[in-house]
Amino acid sequence: MTKRPDEIVAEKIAEEIQRNNLIPENKITEFTRKLSNGSLSIEDWKLLAELPIEEDKGGQNGQKD
């Protein structure tokens, strides 16, 4: 099956994001799917941006300052 151009672009963006550890690996598939179909909301972007920070702080009893 041939991929649509939006799927190809979304995969390339996701590869770079994953390579730079900008969002958790377990969120890459969902991110790619939503990015390719244009359904990422502002809340999705905020959550994705905050998740790595939250995971890093998990070693500190999971508490935020």
PDB file of N, CA and C in Angstrom:
ATOM      1  N   MET A   1       0.840  -1.182   0.000  1.00  0.00           N
ATOM      2  CA  MET A   1       0.000   0.000   0.000  1.00  0.00           C
ATOM      3  C   MET A   1       0.886   1.246   0.000  1.00  0.00           C
ATOM      4  N   THR A   2       0.548   2.190  -0.835  1.00  0.00           N
ATOM      5  CA  THR A   2       1.297   3.436  -0.936  1.00  0.00           C
ATOM      6  C   THR A   2       0.849   4.390   0.161  1.00  0.00           C
ATOM      7  N   LYS A   3       1.823   5.018   0.793  1.00  0.00           N
ATOM      8  CA  LYS A   3       1.512   5.988   1.845  1.00  0.00           C
ATOM      9  C   LYS A   3       1.161   7.329   1.238  1.00  0.00           C
ATOM     10  N   ARG A   4       0.268   8.022   1.920  1.00  0.00           N
ATOM     11  CA  ARG A   4      -0.102   9.372   1.507  1.00  0.00           C
ATOM     12  C   ARG A   4       1.045  10.318   1.856  1.00  0.00           C
ATOM     13  N   PRO A   5       1.162  11.433   1.143  1.00  0.00           N
ATOM     14  CA  PRO A   5       2.232  12.395   1.443  1.00  0.00           C
ATOM     15  C   PRO A   5       2.211  12.890   2.889  1.00  0.00           C
ATOM     16  N   ASP A   6       1.021  13.101   3.452  1.00  0.00           N
ATOM     17  CA  ASP A   6       0.945  13.560   4.837  1.00  0.00           C
ATOM     18  C   ASP A   6       1.474  12.502   5.813  1.00  0.00           C
ATOM     19  N   GLU A   7       1.298  11.223   5.487  1.00  0.00           N
ATOM     20  CA  GLU A   7       1.836  10.163   6.329  1.00  0.00           C
ATOM     21  C   GLU A   7       3.361  10.129   6.250  1.00  0.00           C
ATOM     22  N   ILE A   8       3.893  10.318   5.066  1.00  0.00           N
ATOM     23  CA  ILE A   8       5.350  10.311   4.879  1.00  0.00           C
ATOM     24  C   ILE A   8       5.992  11.456   5.654  1.00  0.00           C
ATOM     25  N   VAL A   9       5.413  12.639   5.536  1.00  0.00           N
ATOM     26  CA  VAL A   9       5.953  13.808   6.246  1.00  0.00           C
ATOM     27  C   VAL A   9       5.848  13.605   7.755  1.00  0.00           C
ATOM     28  N   ALA A  10       4.711  13.125   8.227  1.00  0.00           N
ATOM     29  CA  ALA A  10       4.524  12.891   9.659  1.00  0.00           C
ATOM     30  C   ALA A  10       5.544  11.885  10.186  1.00  0.00           C
ATOM     31  N   GLU A  11       5.827  10.836   9.428  1.00  0.00           N
ATOM     32  CA  GLU A  11       6.816   9.844   9.853  1.00  0.00           C
ATOM     33  C   GLU A  11       8.215  10.452   9.939  1.00  0.00           C
ATOM     34  N   LYS A  12       8.560  11.306   8.978  1.00  0.00           N
ATOM     35  CA  LYS A  12       9.882  11.946   9.016  1.00  0.00           C
ATOM     36  C   LYS A  12      10.003  12.874  10.210  1.00  0.00           C
ATOM     37  N   ILE A  13       8.948  13.621  10.494  1.00  0.00           N
ATOM     38  CA  ILE A  13       8.955  14.502  11.666  1.00  0.00           C
ATOM     39  C   ILE A  13       9.067  13.676  12.935  1.00  0.00           C
ATOM     40  N   ALA A  14       8.296  12.598  13.018  1.00  0.00           N
ATOM     41  CA  ALA A  14       8.326  11.733  14.197  1.00  0.00           C
ATOM     42  C   ALA A  14       9.705  11.104  14.393  1.00  0.00           C
ATOM     43  N   GLU A  15      10.362  10.719  13.303  1.00  0.00           N
ATOM     44  CA  GLU A  15      11.713  10.155  13.404  1.00  0.00           C
ATOM     45  C   GLU A  15      12.675  11.161  14.032  1.00  0.00           C
ATOM     46  N   GLU A  16      12.601  12.396  13.604  1.00  0.00           N
ATOM     47  CA  GLU A  16      13.483  13.431  14.166  1.00  0.00           C
ATOM     48  C   GLU A  16      13.157  13.695  15.634  1.00  0.00           C
ATOM     49  N   ILE A  17      11.889  13.742  15.948  1.00  0.00           N
ATOM     50  CA  ILE A  17      11.468  13.959  17.335  1.00  0.00           C
ATOM     51  C   ILE A  17      11.950  12.810  18.205  1.00  0.00           C
ATOM     52  N   GLN A  18      11.803  11.596  17.712  1.00  0.00           N
ATOM     53  CA  GLN A  18      12.243  10.432  18.468  1.00  0.00           C
ATOM     54  C   GLN A  18      13.773  10.423  18.607  1.00  0.00           C
ATOM     55  N   ARG A  19      14.470  10.741  17.544  1.00  0.00           N
ATOM     56  CA  ARG A  19      15.930  10.762  17.561  1.00  0.00           C
ATOM     57  C   ARG A  19      16.461  11.759  18.598  1.00  0.00           C
ATOM     58  N   ASN A  20      15.724  12.842  18.785  1.00  0.00           N
ATOM     59  CA  ASN A  20      16.143  13.879  19.730  1.00  0.00           C
ATOM     60  C   ASN A  20      15.480  13.737  21.098  1.00  0.00           C
ATOM     61  N   ASN A  21      14.776  12.613  21.303  1.00  0.00           N
ATOM     62  CA  ASN A  21      14.133  12.315  22.587  1.00  0.00           C
ATOM     63  C   ASN A  21      13.244  13.461  23.076  1.00  0.00           C
ATOM     64  N   LEU A  22      12.436  14.003  22.174  1.00  0.00           N
ATOM     65  CA  LEU A  22      11.583  15.124  22.541  1.00  0.00           C
ATOM     66  C   LEU A  22      10.233  14.695  23.102  1.00  0.00           C
ATOM     67  N   ILE A  23       9.798  13.500  22.756  1.00  0.00           N
ATOM     68  CA  ILE A  23       8.595  12.936  23.364  1.00  0.00           C
ATOM     69  C   ILE A  23       8.874  11.471  23.660  1.00  0.00           C
ATOM     70  N   PRO A  24       8.154  10.907  24.624  1.00  0.00           N
ATOM     71  CA  PRO A  24       8.400   9.514  24.994  1.00  0.00           C
ATOM     72  C   PRO A  24       8.174   8.556  23.824  1.00  0.00           C
ATOM     73  N   GLU A  25       8.974   7.526  23.782  1.00  0.00           N
ATOM     74  CA  GLU A  25       8.912   6.550  22.691  1.00  0.00           C
ATOM     75  C   GLU A  25       7.535   5.905  22.577  1.00  0.00           C
ATOM     76  N   ASN A  26       6.873   5.684  23.700  1.00  0.00           N
ATOM     77  CA  ASN A  26       5.566   5.030  23.658  1.00  0.00           C
ATOM     78  C   ASN A  26       4.463   5.934  23.106  1.00  0.00           C
ATOM     79  N   LYS A  27       4.765   7.183  22.821  1.00  0.00           N
ATOM     80  CA  LYS A  27       3.786   8.118  22.255  1.00  0.00           C
ATOM     81  C   LYS A  27       4.028   8.411  20.776  1.00  0.00           C
ATOM     82  N   ILE A  28       5.099   7.873  20.203  1.00  0.00           N
ATOM     83  CA  ILE A  28       5.464   8.185  18.819  1.00  0.00           C
ATOM     84  C   ILE A  28       4.395   7.728  17.826  1.00  0.00           C
ATOM     85  N   THR A  29       3.871   6.530  17.986  1.00  0.00           N
ATOM     86  CA  THR A  29       2.875   6.018  17.034  1.00  0.00           C
ATOM     87  C   THR A  29       1.623   6.882  17.036  1.00  0.00           C
ATOM     88  N   GLU A  30       1.128   7.196  18.219  1.00  0.00           N
ATOM     89  CA  GLU A  30      -0.067   8.044  18.324  1.00  0.00           C
ATOM     90  C   GLU A  30       0.213   9.436  17.765  1.00  0.00           C
ATOM     91  N   PHE A  31       1.378   9.986  18.097  1.00  0.00           N
ATOM     92  CA  PHE A  31       1.769  11.299  17.584  1.00  0.00           C
ATOM     93  C   PHE A  31       1.785  11.297  16.059  1.00  0.00           C
ATOM     94  N   THR A  32       2.398  10.289  15.465  1.00  0.00           N
ATOM     95  CA  THR A  32       2.502  10.207  14.005  1.00  0.00           C
ATOM     96  C   THR A  32       1.126  10.123  13.364  1.00  0.00           C
ATOM     97  N   ARG A  33       0.271   9.299  13.926  1.00  0.00           N
ATOM     98  CA  ARG A  33      -1.085   9.138  13.383  1.00  0.00           C
ATOM     99  C   ARG A  33      -1.856  10.451  13.446  1.00  0.00           C
ATOM    100  N   LYS A  34      -1.830  11.102  14.606  1.00  0.00           N
ATOM    101  CA  LYS A  34      -2.565  12.350  14.769  1.00  0.00           C
ATOM    102  C   LYS A  34      -1.969  13.470  13.918  1.00  0.00           C
ATOM    103  N   LEU A  35      -0.651  13.499  13.813  1.00  0.00           N
ATOM    104  CA  LEU A  35      -0.005  14.525  13.004  1.00  0.00           C
ATOM    105  C   LEU A  35      -0.391  14.365  11.536  1.00  0.00           C
ATOM    106  N   SER A  36      -0.391  13.138  11.055  1.00  0.00           N
ATOM    107  CA  SER A  36      -0.686  12.914   9.639  1.00  0.00           C
ATOM    108  C   SER A  36      -2.139  13.226   9.285  1.00  0.00           C
ATOM    109  N   ASN A  37      -3.043  13.063  10.237  1.00  0.00           N
ATOM    110  CA  ASN A  37      -4.438  13.368   9.918  1.00  0.00           C
ATOM    111  C   ASN A  37      -4.891  14.730  10.440  1.00  0.00           C
ATOM    112  N   GLY A  38      -3.950  15.495  11.008  1.00  0.00           N
ATOM    113  CA  GLY A  38      -4.250  16.866  11.425  1.00  0.00           C
ATOM    114  C   GLY A  38      -5.111  16.981  12.661  1.00  0.00           C
ATOM    115  N   SER A  39      -5.066  15.977  13.523  1.00  0.00           N
ATOM    116  CA  SER A  39      -5.941  16.005  14.697  1.00  0.00           C
ATOM    117  C   SER A  39      -5.219  16.293  16.012  1.00  0.00           C
ATOM    118  N   LEU A  40      -3.965  16.738  15.966  1.00  0.00           N
ATOM    119  CA  LEU A  40      -3.271  17.103  17.196  1.00  0.00           C
ATOM    120  C   LEU A  40      -3.821  18.435  17.693  1.00  0.00           C
ATOM    121  N   SER A  41      -4.358  18.425  18.901  1.00  0.00           N
ATOM    122  CA  SER A  41      -4.902  19.642  19.489  1.00  0.00           C
ATOM    123  C   SER A  41      -3.813  20.381  20.268  1.00  0.00           C
ATOM    124  N   ILE A  42      -4.127  21.571  20.699  1.00  0.00           N
ATOM    125  CA  ILE A  42      -3.193  22.336  21.537  1.00  0.00           C
ATOM    126  C   ILE A  42      -2.868  21.535  22.793  1.00  0.00           C
ATOM    127  N   GLU A  43      -3.874  20.890  23.358  1.00  0.00           N
ATOM    128  CA  GLU A  43      -3.673  20.095  24.565  1.00  0.00           C
ATOM    129  C   GLU A  43      -2.735  18.916  24.304  1.00  0.00           C
ATOM    130  N   ASP A  44      -2.874  18.282  23.130  1.00  0.00           N
ATOM    131  CA  ASP A  44      -1.973  17.184  22.767  1.00  0.00           C
ATOM    132  C   ASP A  44      -0.533  17.670  22.719  1.00  0.00           C
ATOM    133  N   TRP A  45      -0.303  18.806  22.061  1.00  0.00           N
ATOM    134  CA  TRP A  45       1.052  19.353  21.957  1.00  0.00           C
ATOM    135  C   TRP A  45       1.620  19.663  23.335  1.00  0.00           C
ATOM    136  N   LYS A  46       0.802  20.268  24.205  1.00  0.00           N
ATOM    137  CA  LYS A  46       1.269  20.587  25.558  1.00  0.00           C
ATOM    138  C   LYS A  46       1.622  19.322  26.325  1.00  0.00           C
ATOM    139  N   LEU A  47       0.744  18.323  26.247  1.00  0.00           N
ATOM    140  CA  LEU A  47       1.001  17.063  26.948  1.00  0.00           C
ATOM    141  C   LEU A  47       2.272  16.404  26.441  1.00  0.00           C
ATOM    142  N   LEU A  48       2.434  16.344  25.128  1.00  0.00           N
ATOM    143  CA  LEU A  48       3.633  15.737  24.553  1.00  0.00           C
ATOM    144  C   LEU A  48       4.892  16.482  24.978  1.00  0.00           C
ATOM    145  N   ALA A  49       4.796  17.796  25.073  1.00  0.00           N
ATOM    146  CA  ALA A  49       5.957  18.586  25.479  1.00  0.00           C
ATOM    147  C   ALA A  49       6.289  18.389  26.952  1.00  0.00           C
ATOM    148  N   GLU A  50       5.277  18.139  27.766  1.00  0.00           N
ATOM    149  CA  GLU A  50       5.486  17.994  29.206  1.00  0.00           C
ATOM    150  C   GLU A  50       5.843  16.580  29.630  1.00  0.00           C
ATOM    151  N   LEU A  51       5.469  15.563  28.844  1.00  0.00           N
ATOM    152  CA  LEU A  51       5.700  14.179  29.241  1.00  0.00           C
ATOM    153  C   LEU A  51       7.159  13.853  29.542  1.00  0.00           C
ATOM    154  N   PRO A  52       8.114  14.218  28.690  1.00  0.00           N
ATOM    155  CA  PRO A  52       9.505  13.886  29.027  1.00  0.00           C
ATOM    156  C   PRO A  52       9.949  14.538  30.332  1.00  0.00           C
ATOM    157  N   ILE A  53       9.468  15.738  30.592  1.00  0.00           N
ATOM    158  CA  ILE A  53       9.801  16.443  31.826  1.00  0.00           C
ATOM    159  C   ILE A  53       9.243  15.670  33.014  1.00  0.00           C
ATOM    160  N   GLU A  54       7.998  15.225  32.894  1.00  0.00           N
ATOM    161  CA  GLU A  54       7.376  14.463  33.972  1.00  0.00           C
ATOM    162  C   GLU A  54       8.111  13.160  34.224  1.00  0.00           C
ATOM    163  N   GLU A  55       8.518  12.468  33.150  1.00  0.00           N
ATOM    164  CA  GLU A  55       9.235  11.205  33.315  1.00  0.00           C
ATOM    165  C   GLU A  55      10.579  11.429  33.993  1.00  0.00           C
ATOM    166  N   ASP A  56      11.272  12.520  33.656  1.00  0.00           N
ATOM    167  CA  ASP A  56      12.541  12.825  34.288  1.00  0.00           C
ATOM    168  C   ASP A  56      12.359  13.083  35.776  1.00  0.00           C
ATOM    169  N   LYS A  57      11.262  13.718  36.143  1.00  0.00           N
ATOM    170  CA  LYS A  57      11.008  14.026  37.543  1.00  0.00           C
ATOM    171  C   LYS A  57      10.487  12.818  38.310  1.00  0.00           C
ATOM    172  N   GLY A  58      10.151  11.746  37.590  1.00  0.00           N
ATOM    173  CA  GLY A  58       9.631  10.545  38.234  1.00  0.00           C
ATOM    174  C   GLY A  58      10.599   9.966  39.247  1.00  0.00           C
ATOM    175  N   GLY A  59      11.876  10.193  39.070  1.00  0.00           N
ATOM    176  CA  GLY A  59      12.882   9.723  40.014  1.00  0.00           C
ATOM    177  C   GLY A  59      12.862  10.499  41.312  1.00  0.00           C
ATOM    178  N   GLN A  60      12.102  11.586  41.342  1.00  0.00           N
ATOM    179  CA  GLN A  60      12.011  12.422  42.532  1.00  0.00           C
ATOM    180  C   GLN A  60      10.653  12.194  43.192  1.00  0.00           C
ATOM    181  N   ASN A  61      10.279  10.946  43.377  1.00  0.00           N
ATOM    182  CA  ASN A  61       9.008  10.550  43.974  1.00  0.00           C
ATOM    183  C   ASN A  61       7.805  11.004  43.164  1.00  0.00           C
ATOM    184  N   GLY A  62       8.026  11.310  41.880  1.00  0.00           N
ATOM    185  CA  GLY A  62       6.925  11.668  41.013  1.00  0.00           C
ATOM    186  C   GLY A  62       6.240  12.976  41.339  1.00  0.00           C
ATOM    187  N   GLN A  63       6.863  13.793  42.152  1.00  0.00           N
ATOM    188  CA  GLN A  63       6.243  15.053  42.551  1.00  0.00           C
ATOM    189  C   GLN A  63       6.762  16.211  41.729  1.00  0.00           C
ATOM    190  N   LYS A  64       5.845  17.122  41.404  1.00  0.00           N
ATOM    191  CA  LYS A  64       6.223  18.343  40.707  1.00  0.00           C
ATOM    192  C   LYS A  64       6.460  19.431  41.719  1.00  0.00           C
ATOM    193  N   ASP A  65       7.354  20.353  41.360  1.00  0.00           N
ATOM    194  CA  ASP A  65       7.554  21.511  42.235  1.00  0.00           C
ATOM    195  C   ASP A  65       6.419  22.475  42.096  1.00  0.00           C
TER     196      ASP A  65
END
